[in-house]
Amino acid sequence: MRGTSLKHAPNMSAPSWSLLPQVPPTVMSRVLSLRGGGVLPLAGAEVMGEGLRLRVDRAASFGAVLAGGASEYMKPSVQRQGRVVINCPALHPRPSGPSPATLTLGQLRTVLVADHTGALLRRQGLTVSYCPVLPEGSGVTAFLHTLGVDWPTVPASWSGAQREEKVQEALAGSPYREEDVPGQRRGGGGSRGEEEEEEEEEEQQGGREKDGALRVNLKRVFQEEGLAGYDPSLGTCTVQRDSVSHLAQLEHAAADCKETMATVLHVMSCQDEFRQQQIAMLWRASGATHTQRHVVCGPVKTPGTNLTAEQYLQLRRGQMKDASEMKYGDQVEGRTWDDIIRVMTSATIRFELLSTVHTSPVTLDLQREGGVSTKGPRGGVFVMYNCARLHTLFDSYERGVEKGLYPEIPEASQLDFSALKEEGEWILLFNYLIPFSELLDQSGQSLDCEGGGARVNIKTEQVCKFLVALSKDFSSYYNRVHVLGEPLPHLFNQMLCRLRMLRALTDLYHSALGTLHLPPIRQL
């Protein structure tokens, strides 16, 4: 069909398309004969004034997709090879290590973006490592674990001193090193304000560097090596101790990439972008040749207040506990409920910070508790609630099977899917089950994009948006349709077709939530 555009109707659930412009009869024959994965069965076609209209066979499409539990649609269409190092500057010591009490909401956003990105890339077969490693038993490690972030750790006695020495030596021998010239002012190539900020940062780290300190011309690095997208005000940079520590951590994370090149993703807040560009060019000046891309996150705004990440977690956890006690009363106690509240709090925070395009700002209304309500169809709690409804449905069905009321769900080939006549059923199949594999492909495709400079957009908001949209459509369908009907044989086919589809939908929820490190809640 080369040279022919495919036009889809605005309503994605509609089972027909128009091919424009006029299509020769030979093309119609070829289109109708298409077979294979991702090609929906066609019920027919007709030539119209505007082109060729195709009609999808809905019943056959349900059977084709749900055969094997729709497992082919739960994974990326292509498995990739390669290594990715995900670096989160917010977790590097500057000069002391991060803590829950000092971690800002903007920095927390970068950690969650990094965590989600790593999960998406691993799904595609890529080997992912994280930087920096954190000390075992540290407060920030425990804090992140509460949010489902399993960041790599090392014993508290671990030292990167040897790697730091090697980095220092590499920079000392770099062709981009600038020799000291008596009386010469260190220039950043930027404005006076930028130079003053850099000097202030040096003073905060223990005083200005004395004469004889290493200085590297970063502008020469990206100009001579043809690296696009770097700030032209990157000039000569004095190598700080924390910069050497940062580079040593990067070397540690990329240590297994000697034979193959890695792609390094620096995930940072917009406030840290200039500083991270300096780090990236220093690493390049030391001899590192890995591809480096920058995932820049917008700020997190909290009008009227200023909370740390730790205070934000405590606030949302308290709101979640209050909402649960209001709904369930004295039942909200014990280890099970503690786990439920922890997961639901994590879901609330992840959806609040990840549902927006990562380059855009996020504004949090901390006084409004809509984010912790199952009624508001917008956030993580609403998604988790609807996933739990599916578990409750299948628990009820299994009890019916044990009592002999319902038969087991047979193979898809033994069901007549023409019984699925609800538009909501087609929407769930066509808008969610079928395109999920393509959604998983997109993060890896972003890495393949050439040009556009150092920045890269990983589209980390899409899984959250997908799950919210899915939950809205599933909730609408589930509120309208009674799935488990009377145990009468003539009703079993339709019921079993629906259960077959909803079981695939349950797997879809689990797969998507897994990329957010959110375990499903079986009952709410």
Protein backbone atom coordinates (compact mmCIF):
# COMPACT_ATOMS: atom_id res chain seq x y z
CA MET A 1 0.00 0.00 0.00
CA ARG A 2 2.95 2.29 -0.61
CA GLY A 3 1.80 5.78 -1.50
CA THR A 4 -1.61 5.26 0.11
CA SER A 5 -2.44 6.97 3.39
CA LEU A 6 -4.46 5.27 6.10
CA LYS A 7 -7.14 7.45 7.63
CA HIS A 8 -8.81 6.37 10.86
CA ALA A 9 -12.12 7.74 12.08
CA PRO A 10 -11.89 10.00 15.18
CA ASN A 11 -13.69 7.37 17.29
CA MET A 12 -10.97 4.76 17.76
CA SER A 13 -13.56 2.11 18.60
CA ALA A 14 -15.05 2.30 15.13
CA PRO A 15 -14.20 -0.87 13.20
CA SER A 16 -13.69 0.77 9.82
CA TRP A 17 -11.16 2.94 8.01
CA SER A 18 -10.93 4.81 4.73
CA LEU A 19 -7.91 4.57 2.47
CA LEU A 20 -7.23 7.72 0.49
CA PRO A 21 -7.05 8.47 -2.40
CA GLN A 22 -8.82 6.11 -4.87
CA VAL A 23 -7.53 2.56 -4.52
CA PRO A 24 -7.08 0.21 -7.52
CA PRO A 25 -8.76 -3.23 -7.35
CA THR A 26 -5.37 -4.94 -7.02
CA VAL A 27 -4.74 -3.03 -3.81
CA MET A 28 -8.11 -4.15 -2.42
CA SER A 29 -7.16 -7.74 -3.10
CA ARG A 30 -3.81 -7.35 -1.39
CA VAL A 31 -5.33 -5.65 1.65
CA LEU A 32 -7.97 -8.36 2.08
CA SER A 33 -5.31 -11.06 1.86
CA LEU A 34 -3.13 -9.60 4.63
CA ARG A 35 -2.45 -12.05 7.46
CA GLY A 36 -0.13 -12.10 10.45
CA GLY A 37 0.46 -10.66 13.89
CA GLY A 38 -1.10 -7.26 14.46
CA VAL A 39 -3.42 -7.60 11.45
CA LEU A 40 -7.07 -7.72 12.50
CA PRO A 41 -9.41 -10.06 10.58
CA LEU A 42 -11.49 -8.20 8.02
CA ALA A 43 -15.18 -8.79 7.37
CA GLY A 44 -15.03 -7.17 3.97
CA ALA A 45 -14.40 -4.00 2.01
CA GLU A 46 -16.24 -1.69 -0.32
CA VAL A 47 -15.16 0.98 -2.76
CA MET A 48 -16.69 4.33 -1.98
CA GLY A 49 -16.40 7.79 -3.44
CA GLU A 50 -13.61 8.74 -1.07
CA GLY A 51 -11.71 5.47 -1.34
CA LEU A 52 -11.77 1.98 0.15
CA ARG A 53 -13.68 1.29 3.36
CA LEU A 54 -12.61 -1.72 5.41
CA ARG A 55 -14.80 -3.52 7.93
CA VAL A 56 -13.16 -5.38 10.80
CA ASP A 57 -14.64 -8.71 11.89
CA ARG A 58 -15.14 -8.00 15.58
CA ALA A 59 -15.89 -11.56 16.68
CA ALA A 60 -12.85 -12.93 14.85
CA SER A 61 -10.73 -10.10 16.28
CA PHE A 62 -11.71 -11.00 19.84
CA GLY A 63 -10.84 -14.63 19.16
CA ALA A 64 -7.50 -13.79 17.54
CA VAL A 65 -6.36 -11.37 20.26
CA LEU A 66 -7.59 -13.38 23.25
CA ALA A 67 -6.13 -16.67 22.04
CA GLY A 68 -3.33 -17.52 24.44
CA GLY A 69 -4.55 -14.92 26.93
CA ALA A 70 -3.41 -12.02 24.72
CA SER A 71 0.15 -12.70 25.93
CA GLU A 72 1.65 -11.38 22.69
CA TYR A 73 0.10 -8.00 23.40
CA MET A 74 1.59 -7.75 26.90
CA LYS A 75 5.18 -7.29 25.78
CA PRO A 76 7.09 -5.05 23.35
CA SER A 77 6.91 -6.16 19.74
CA VAL A 78 10.71 -6.07 19.46
CA GLN A 79 13.34 -7.18 21.98
CA ARG A 80 16.35 -4.89 21.90
CA GLN A 81 19.97 -5.45 22.80
CA GLY A 82 22.32 -3.05 24.49
CA ARG A 83 23.17 -1.39 27.79
CA VAL A 84 21.70 1.70 29.37
CA VAL A 85 23.07 3.50 32.42
CA ILE A 86 20.47 5.67 34.17
CA ASN A 87 22.12 8.41 36.20
CA CYS A 88 20.14 10.40 38.76
CA PRO A 89 22.12 13.48 39.88
CA ALA A 90 19.67 14.10 42.76
CA LEU A 91 21.06 11.02 44.54
CA HIS A 92 24.73 12.01 44.28
CA PRO A 93 26.37 13.57 47.36
CA ARG A 94 26.81 17.35 47.04
CA PRO A 95 28.92 17.20 49.19
CA SER A 96 26.96 15.10 51.69
CA GLY A 97 24.60 12.33 50.60
CA PRO A 98 20.88 12.91 50.05
CA SER A 99 18.33 12.30 52.79
CA PRO A 100 14.52 12.23 52.86
CA ALA A 101 14.59 15.51 54.80
CA THR A 102 16.66 17.31 52.15
CA LEU A 103 15.27 15.69 48.98
CA THR A 104 13.07 18.20 47.16
CA LEU A 105 9.88 17.33 45.32
CA GLY A 106 11.60 18.16 42.03
CA GLN A 107 14.40 15.74 42.87
CA LEU A 108 11.89 13.07 43.89
CA ARG A 109 10.25 13.47 40.49
CA THR A 110 13.56 12.77 38.76
CA VAL A 111 14.07 9.61 40.84
CA LEU A 112 10.61 8.29 39.91
CA VAL A 113 11.15 9.16 36.24
CA ALA A 114 14.49 7.31 36.33
CA ASP A 115 12.94 4.29 38.05
CA HIS A 116 10.03 4.07 35.59
CA THR A 117 12.32 4.59 32.58
CA GLY A 118 14.56 1.74 33.71
CA ALA A 119 11.58 -0.60 34.06
CA LEU A 120 10.34 0.27 30.56
CA LEU A 121 13.76 -0.26 28.98
CA ARG A 122 14.27 -3.59 30.75
CA ARG A 123 10.95 -4.76 29.32
CA GLN A 124 12.47 -4.26 25.90
CA GLY A 125 15.42 -6.51 26.66
CA LEU A 126 17.97 -3.80 27.42
CA THR A 127 20.41 -4.25 30.29
CA VAL A 128 19.92 -1.36 32.70
CA SER A 129 22.15 -0.21 35.54
CA TYR A 130 21.62 2.71 37.87
CA CYS A 131 23.92 5.43 39.14
CA PRO A 132 24.88 6.26 41.82
CA VAL A 133 24.94 3.32 44.20
CA LEU A 134 23.62 4.21 47.65
CA PRO A 135 24.89 3.09 51.07
CA GLU A 136 23.02 0.13 52.52
CA GLY A 137 20.71 1.04 55.36
CA SER A 138 20.73 4.75 54.57
CA GLY A 139 17.64 6.84 55.23
CA VAL A 140 17.15 7.70 51.57
CA THR A 141 17.30 4.00 50.60
CA ALA A 142 14.53 3.15 53.08
CA PHE A 143 12.51 6.16 51.92
CA LEU A 144 12.74 5.12 48.27
CA HIS A 145 11.88 1.53 49.16
CA THR A 146 8.62 2.81 50.68
CA LEU A 147 7.76 4.16 47.23
CA GLY A 148 8.66 0.88 45.53
CA VAL A 149 12.03 2.11 44.25
CA ASP A 150 14.65 -0.62 44.58
CA TRP A 151 17.76 1.48 43.96
CA PRO A 152 21.10 -0.42 43.99
CA THR A 153 23.11 -0.28 47.21
CA VAL A 154 26.62 -1.10 48.40
CA PRO A 155 28.00 -1.73 51.92
CA ALA A 156 28.58 1.44 53.91
CA SER A 157 32.30 0.63 53.88
CA TRP A 158 32.43 0.74 50.05
CA SER A 159 34.80 3.32 48.65
CA GLY A 160 35.26 4.71 45.17
CA ALA A 161 38.64 6.23 45.99
CA GLN A 162 40.56 4.21 43.39
CA ARG A 163 38.17 5.15 40.61
CA GLU A 164 38.33 8.78 41.71
CA GLU A 165 42.12 8.70 41.40
CA LYS A 166 41.84 7.28 37.88
CA VAL A 167 39.32 9.96 36.92
CA GLN A 168 41.61 12.66 38.30
CA GLU A 169 44.53 11.25 36.31
CA ALA A 170 42.45 11.05 33.13
CA LEU A 171 41.38 14.67 33.46
CA ALA A 172 44.94 15.76 34.20
CA GLY A 173 46.02 14.17 30.93
CA SER A 174 43.01 15.33 28.92
CA PRO A 175 43.70 17.25 25.69
CA TYR A 176 41.01 19.67 26.85
CA ARG A 177 42.80 20.59 30.06
CA GLU A 178 43.81 24.22 30.26
CA GLU A 179 47.17 25.13 31.68
CA ASP A 180 47.29 27.76 34.38
CA VAL A 181 48.20 31.25 33.22
CA PRO A 182 49.25 33.59 36.06
CA GLY A 183 46.70 36.33 36.61
CA GLN A 184 44.19 34.79 34.20
CA ARG A 185 40.61 34.77 35.43
CA ARG A 186 38.77 31.50 35.12
CA GLY A 187 36.02 32.09 32.60
CA GLY A 188 32.80 30.19 32.22
CA GLY A 189 32.00 31.63 28.86
CA GLY A 190 28.67 32.74 30.26
CA SER A 191 27.19 35.77 31.91
CA ARG A 192 28.47 37.43 35.05
CA GLY A 193 25.54 35.96 36.97
CA GLU A 194 26.42 32.43 35.91
CA GLU A 195 30.05 32.89 36.96
CA GLU A 196 28.99 34.25 40.34
CA GLU A 197 26.68 31.28 40.87
CA GLU A 198 29.52 28.90 40.05
CA GLU A 199 31.88 30.69 42.45
CA GLU A 200 29.23 30.65 45.18
CA GLU A 201 28.85 26.89 44.69
CA GLU A 202 32.61 26.46 45.10
CA GLU A 203 32.54 28.49 48.31
CA GLN A 204 29.76 26.32 49.70
CA GLN A 205 31.90 23.27 49.02
CA GLY A 206 34.78 24.51 51.15
CA GLY A 207 36.31 27.58 49.57
CA ARG A 208 37.51 28.51 46.13
CA GLU A 209 39.95 26.24 44.38
CA LYS A 210 43.53 27.33 44.73
CA ASP A 211 45.81 28.03 41.81
CA GLY A 212 46.97 24.79 40.24
CA ALA A 213 43.54 23.14 40.31
CA LEU A 214 42.48 21.24 37.20
CA ARG A 215 40.58 23.31 34.67
CA VAL A 216 38.93 21.84 31.59
CA ASN A 217 37.59 23.72 28.57
CA LEU A 218 34.15 22.17 28.17
CA LYS A 219 33.22 24.30 25.18
CA ARG A 220 36.08 22.79 23.20
CA VAL A 221 34.85 19.31 24.12
CA PHE A 222 31.42 19.59 22.53
CA GLN A 223 32.59 21.78 19.67
CA GLU A 224 35.52 19.60 18.59
CA GLU A 225 33.63 16.33 19.08
CA GLY A 226 30.53 17.57 17.27
CA LEU A 227 28.11 17.17 20.19
CA ALA A 228 24.93 19.15 19.57
CA GLY A 229 22.54 20.62 22.10
CA TYR A 230 24.97 21.77 24.79
CA ASP A 231 24.80 25.21 26.38
CA PRO A 232 27.19 27.57 24.55
CA SER A 233 28.01 29.23 27.89
CA LEU A 234 29.81 26.07 29.01
CA GLY A 235 33.31 27.46 29.18
CA THR A 236 36.28 26.53 31.31
CA CYS A 237 35.30 24.52 34.37
CA THR A 238 37.33 24.04 37.53
CA VAL A 239 37.16 20.37 38.51
CA GLN A 240 35.52 20.07 41.93
CA ARG A 241 35.84 17.15 44.32
CA ASP A 242 32.15 16.26 44.04
CA SER A 243 32.48 16.26 40.24
CA VAL A 244 35.26 13.68 40.46
CA SER A 245 33.09 11.58 42.80
CA HIS A 246 30.19 11.85 40.34
CA LEU A 247 32.39 10.72 37.44
CA ALA A 248 33.76 7.82 39.49
CA GLN A 249 30.20 6.63 40.12
CA LEU A 250 29.47 6.82 36.39
CA GLU A 251 32.60 4.80 35.67
CA HIS A 252 31.45 2.21 38.21
CA ALA A 253 27.98 1.95 36.61
CA ALA A 254 29.46 1.61 33.12
CA ALA A 255 32.25 -0.77 34.18
CA ASP A 256 30.68 -3.72 32.34
CA CYS A 257 30.45 -1.80 29.06
CA LYS A 258 34.05 -2.27 27.91
CA GLU A 259 33.21 -4.23 24.78
CA THR A 260 29.94 -2.53 23.87
CA MET A 261 29.03 1.12 24.11
CA ALA A 262 26.34 2.17 26.55
CA THR A 263 23.71 4.87 26.34
CA VAL A 264 23.81 7.00 29.48
CA LEU A 265 20.63 8.81 30.48
CA HIS A 266 21.11 11.68 32.90
CA VAL A 267 17.71 12.27 34.54
CA MET A 268 17.72 15.66 36.23
CA SER A 269 15.58 18.64 37.19
CA CYS A 270 15.69 21.72 34.98
CA GLN A 271 17.57 23.54 37.77
CA ASP A 272 20.38 20.98 37.52
CA GLU A 273 20.61 20.85 33.73
CA PHE A 274 23.55 23.25 33.34
CA ARG A 275 25.49 21.51 36.09
CA GLN A 276 24.81 18.10 34.55
CA GLN A 277 25.96 19.28 31.14
CA GLN A 278 29.23 20.21 32.83
CA ILE A 279 29.49 16.71 34.32
CA ALA A 280 28.72 15.11 30.96
CA MET A 281 31.43 17.11 29.19
CA LEU A 282 33.94 16.47 31.99
CA TRP A 283 33.32 12.75 31.57
CA ARG A 284 33.81 13.10 27.84
CA ALA A 285 37.02 15.05 28.44
CA SER A 286 38.28 12.20 30.64
CA GLY A 287 38.00 9.81 27.70
CA ALA A 288 34.49 8.34 28.07
CA THR A 289 32.89 7.77 24.67
CA HIS A 290 29.44 6.52 25.70
CA THR A 291 26.42 8.23 24.17
CA GLN A 292 25.00 10.66 26.73
CA ARG A 293 21.43 11.93 26.65
CA HIS A 294 19.67 14.26 29.06
CA VAL A 295 16.15 13.68 30.40
CA VAL A 296 15.18 17.07 31.84
CA CYS A 297 12.26 17.30 34.26
CA GLY A 298 10.23 20.42 34.94
CA PRO A 299 9.74 21.80 38.46
CA VAL A 300 7.19 20.61 41.01
CA LYS A 301 5.16 23.53 42.35
CA THR A 302 3.23 23.58 45.63
CA PRO A 303 1.45 26.96 45.83
CA GLY A 304 1.27 28.33 49.36
CA THR A 305 3.62 25.82 50.95
CA ASN A 306 7.06 24.29 50.64
CA LEU A 307 7.42 20.60 51.48
CA THR A 308 10.33 18.20 51.33
CA ALA A 309 9.86 14.78 49.74
CA GLU A 310 9.61 13.24 53.21
CA GLN A 311 6.87 15.65 54.30
CA TYR A 312 4.99 15.06 51.05
CA LEU A 313 5.02 11.29 51.64
CA GLN A 314 3.83 11.75 55.23
CA LEU A 315 1.02 14.04 54.08
CA ARG A 316 -0.27 11.68 51.40
CA ARG A 317 0.06 8.65 53.70
CA GLY A 318 -1.97 10.43 56.40
CA GLN A 319 -4.65 11.41 53.88
CA MET A 320 -4.80 7.84 52.59
CA LYS A 321 -5.17 6.42 56.10
CA ASP A 322 -7.90 8.92 56.97
CA ALA A 323 -9.80 8.13 53.76
CA SER A 324 -9.54 4.38 54.40
CA GLU A 325 -10.75 4.71 58.00
CA MET A 326 -13.67 6.84 56.88
CA LYS A 327 -14.73 4.15 54.39
CA TYR A 328 -13.87 0.94 56.27
CA GLY A 329 -13.82 2.01 59.92
CA ASP A 330 -12.19 -0.32 62.43
CA GLN A 331 -11.15 -2.77 59.70
CA VAL A 332 -8.18 -0.52 58.90
CA GLU A 333 -5.59 -2.10 61.15
CA GLY A 334 -2.86 -4.73 60.99
CA ARG A 335 -0.07 -5.56 58.56
CA THR A 336 -2.36 -6.11 55.58
CA TRP A 337 -3.84 -2.64 55.80
CA ASP A 338 -0.41 -1.12 56.41
CA ASP A 339 0.72 -2.67 53.12
CA ILE A 340 -2.41 -1.50 51.30
CA ILE A 341 -1.98 2.08 52.53
CA ARG A 342 1.73 2.02 51.61
CA VAL A 343 1.02 0.83 48.05
CA MET A 344 -1.90 3.21 47.56
CA THR A 345 0.19 6.13 48.84
CA SER A 346 2.94 5.17 46.41
CA ALA A 347 0.38 4.97 43.59
CA THR A 348 -0.94 8.43 44.45
CA ILE A 349 2.53 9.98 44.44
CA ARG A 350 3.70 8.23 41.29
CA PHE A 351 0.64 9.23 39.29
CA GLU A 352 0.83 12.82 40.55
CA LEU A 353 4.47 13.17 39.52
CA LEU A 354 4.54 10.97 36.40
CA SER A 355 1.24 11.74 34.63
CA THR A 356 2.59 15.00 33.22
CA VAL A 357 5.09 15.20 30.36
CA HIS A 358 8.42 15.16 32.18
CA THR A 359 9.59 18.44 30.63
CA SER A 360 6.52 20.31 31.94
CA PRO A 361 5.96 21.61 35.47
CA VAL A 362 3.73 19.74 37.91
CA THR A 363 1.50 21.71 40.27
CA LEU A 364 0.32 19.86 43.38
CA ASP A 365 -2.75 20.89 45.35
CA LEU A 366 -1.71 19.50 48.71
CA GLN A 367 -4.87 20.60 50.51
CA ARG A 368 -7.20 18.75 48.15
CA GLU A 369 -7.53 15.05 48.88
CA GLY A 370 -9.01 14.12 45.50
CA GLY A 371 -5.82 12.25 44.70
CA VAL A 372 -6.54 9.71 47.43
CA SER A 373 -10.19 9.10 46.51
CA THR A 374 -11.50 6.17 44.48
CA LYS A 375 -14.23 8.47 43.12
CA GLY A 376 -12.06 10.91 41.19
CA PRO A 377 -11.26 9.28 37.82
CA ARG A 378 -7.81 10.76 37.44
CA GLY A 379 -5.15 9.33 39.73
CA GLY A 380 -3.38 6.26 40.99
CA VAL A 381 -5.99 5.33 43.59
CA PHE A 382 -8.71 5.21 40.93
CA VAL A 383 -6.52 2.93 38.81
CA MET A 384 -5.68 0.61 41.72
CA TYR A 385 -9.34 0.50 42.77
CA ASN A 386 -10.47 -0.67 39.33
CA CYS A 387 -7.72 -3.26 39.19
CA ALA A 388 -8.95 -4.54 42.57
CA ARG A 389 -12.51 -4.74 41.18
CA LEU A 390 -11.26 -7.24 38.62
CA HIS A 391 -9.68 -9.36 41.33
CA THR A 392 -12.92 -9.27 43.32
CA LEU A 393 -14.85 -10.33 40.21
CA PHE A 394 -12.63 -13.35 39.60
CA ASP A 395 -12.68 -14.31 43.28
CA SER A 396 -16.49 -14.42 43.06
CA TYR A 397 -16.31 -16.41 39.84
CA GLU A 398 -13.88 -18.96 41.32
CA ARG A 399 -16.18 -19.47 44.29
CA GLY A 400 -19.01 -20.10 41.84
CA VAL A 401 -16.89 -22.68 40.02
CA GLU A 402 -16.08 -24.43 43.30
CA LYS A 403 -19.80 -24.61 44.08
CA GLY A 404 -20.54 -26.04 40.64
CA LEU A 405 -22.49 -22.98 39.52
CA TYR A 406 -20.20 -21.96 36.65
CA PRO A 407 -17.97 -23.90 34.23
CA GLU A 408 -14.24 -23.25 33.85
CA ILE A 409 -13.22 -20.70 31.22
CA PRO A 410 -12.44 -22.71 28.06
CA GLU A 411 -9.89 -21.96 25.34
CA ALA A 412 -10.73 -19.01 23.12
CA SER A 413 -11.30 -21.33 20.16
CA GLN A 414 -14.25 -22.92 21.99
CA LEU A 415 -16.10 -19.65 22.52
CA ASP A 416 -18.41 -17.72 20.21
CA PHE A 417 -17.22 -14.14 20.55
CA SER A 418 -20.10 -12.79 18.49
CA ALA A 419 -21.82 -12.63 21.90
CA LEU A 420 -19.68 -9.59 22.73
CA LYS A 421 -21.94 -6.91 21.30
CA GLU A 422 -21.34 -4.10 23.79
CA GLU A 423 -19.43 -1.14 22.37
CA GLY A 424 -17.54 -0.97 25.67
CA GLU A 425 -16.13 -4.44 25.05
CA TRP A 426 -14.75 -3.43 21.68
CA ILE A 427 -13.30 -0.25 23.19
CA LEU A 428 -11.41 -2.27 25.83
CA LEU A 429 -10.00 -4.58 23.17
CA PHE A 430 -9.23 -2.05 20.46
CA ASN A 431 -8.08 0.94 22.52
CA TYR A 432 -6.15 -0.90 25.24
CA LEU A 433 -5.36 -4.59 24.75
CA ILE A 434 -4.23 -4.26 21.14
CA PRO A 435 -2.07 -1.07 21.32
CA PHE A 436 -0.36 -1.81 24.66
CA SER A 437 2.56 -3.55 22.97
CA GLU A 438 3.16 -0.47 20.84
CA LEU A 439 3.08 1.71 23.96
CA LEU A 440 5.88 -0.38 25.50
CA ASP A 441 7.95 0.07 22.32
CA GLN A 442 8.00 3.85 22.48
CA SER A 443 10.58 4.45 25.21
CA GLY A 444 13.21 2.47 23.33
CA GLN A 445 12.32 4.19 20.07
CA SER A 446 13.01 7.55 21.72
CA LEU A 447 16.60 6.48 22.33
CA ASP A 448 17.00 5.66 18.64
CA CYS A 449 16.09 9.17 17.50
CA GLU A 450 19.11 10.91 16.07
CA GLY A 451 19.52 14.65 16.08
CA GLY A 452 17.74 17.13 18.28
CA GLY A 453 20.67 17.64 20.60
CA ALA A 454 21.51 16.27 24.00
CA ARG A 455 17.95 16.21 25.32
CA VAL A 456 15.66 13.22 24.85
CA ASN A 457 11.95 12.80 25.62
CA ILE A 458 11.22 9.31 26.98
CA LYS A 459 7.42 9.88 27.16
CA THR A 460 7.29 8.67 30.74
CA GLU A 461 3.76 10.06 31.17
CA GLN A 462 2.14 7.65 28.74
CA VAL A 463 1.72 4.57 30.95
CA CYS A 464 -0.01 6.61 33.67
CA LYS A 465 -2.30 8.29 31.14
CA PHE A 466 -3.00 4.92 29.52
CA LEU A 467 -3.98 3.38 32.88
CA VAL A 468 -6.24 6.29 33.82
CA ALA A 469 -8.03 6.18 30.44
CA LEU A 470 -8.33 2.38 30.69
CA SER A 471 -9.81 2.66 34.18
CA LYS A 472 -12.39 5.21 33.07
CA ASP A 473 -13.58 3.01 30.20
CA PHE A 474 -13.47 -0.18 32.26
CA SER A 475 -15.38 1.47 35.13
CA SER A 476 -18.04 2.71 32.72
CA TYR A 477 -18.39 -0.77 31.21
CA TYR A 478 -18.35 -2.60 34.54
CA ASN A 479 -20.99 -0.31 36.05
CA ARG A 480 -23.27 -0.97 33.09
CA VAL A 481 -22.79 -4.71 32.48
CA HIS A 482 -23.54 -7.54 34.90
CA VAL A 483 -20.74 -10.00 34.11
CA LEU A 484 -21.62 -12.89 36.45
CA GLY A 485 -25.21 -13.64 35.52
CA GLU A 486 -27.58 -16.39 36.52
CA PRO A 487 -26.00 -19.87 36.32
CA LEU A 488 -28.05 -20.85 33.27
CA PRO A 489 -26.39 -22.80 30.40
CA HIS A 490 -27.74 -20.55 27.65
CA LEU A 491 -26.04 -17.55 29.31
CA PHE A 492 -22.66 -19.21 29.84
CA ASN A 493 -21.10 -18.42 26.44
CA GLN A 494 -21.52 -14.66 26.79
CA MET A 495 -20.37 -14.72 30.42
CA LEU A 496 -17.28 -16.80 29.59
CA CYS A 497 -16.41 -14.56 26.62
CA ARG A 498 -16.54 -11.56 28.93
CA LEU A 499 -14.46 -13.31 31.58
CA ARG A 500 -11.90 -14.30 28.96
CA MET A 501 -11.58 -10.67 27.90
CA LEU A 502 -11.49 -9.36 31.48
CA ARG A 503 -8.82 -11.88 32.47
CA ALA A 504 -6.64 -10.47 29.68
CA LEU A 505 -7.48 -6.99 30.97
CA THR A 506 -6.32 -8.03 34.45
CA ASP A 507 -3.00 -9.17 32.97
CA LEU A 508 -2.80 -5.83 31.18
CA TYR A 509 -3.23 -3.95 34.45
CA HIS A 510 -0.53 -6.06 36.10
CA SER A 511 1.88 -5.54 33.21
CA ALA A 512 1.41 -1.77 33.10
CA LEU A 513 1.52 -1.35 36.88
CA GLY A 514 4.68 -3.43 36.94
CA THR A 515 6.51 -0.70 35.01
CA LEU A 516 5.61 1.62 37.90
CA HIS A 517 6.64 -0.97 40.51
CA LEU A 518 3.10 -1.00 41.92
CA PRO A 519 1.89 -4.44 43.05
CA PRO A 520 -1.85 -4.93 42.45
CA ILE A 521 -4.17 -4.73 45.44
CA ARG A 522 -6.50 -7.72 45.42
CA GLN A 523 -9.27 -6.17 47.47
CA LEU A 524 -10.44 -2.68 48.42
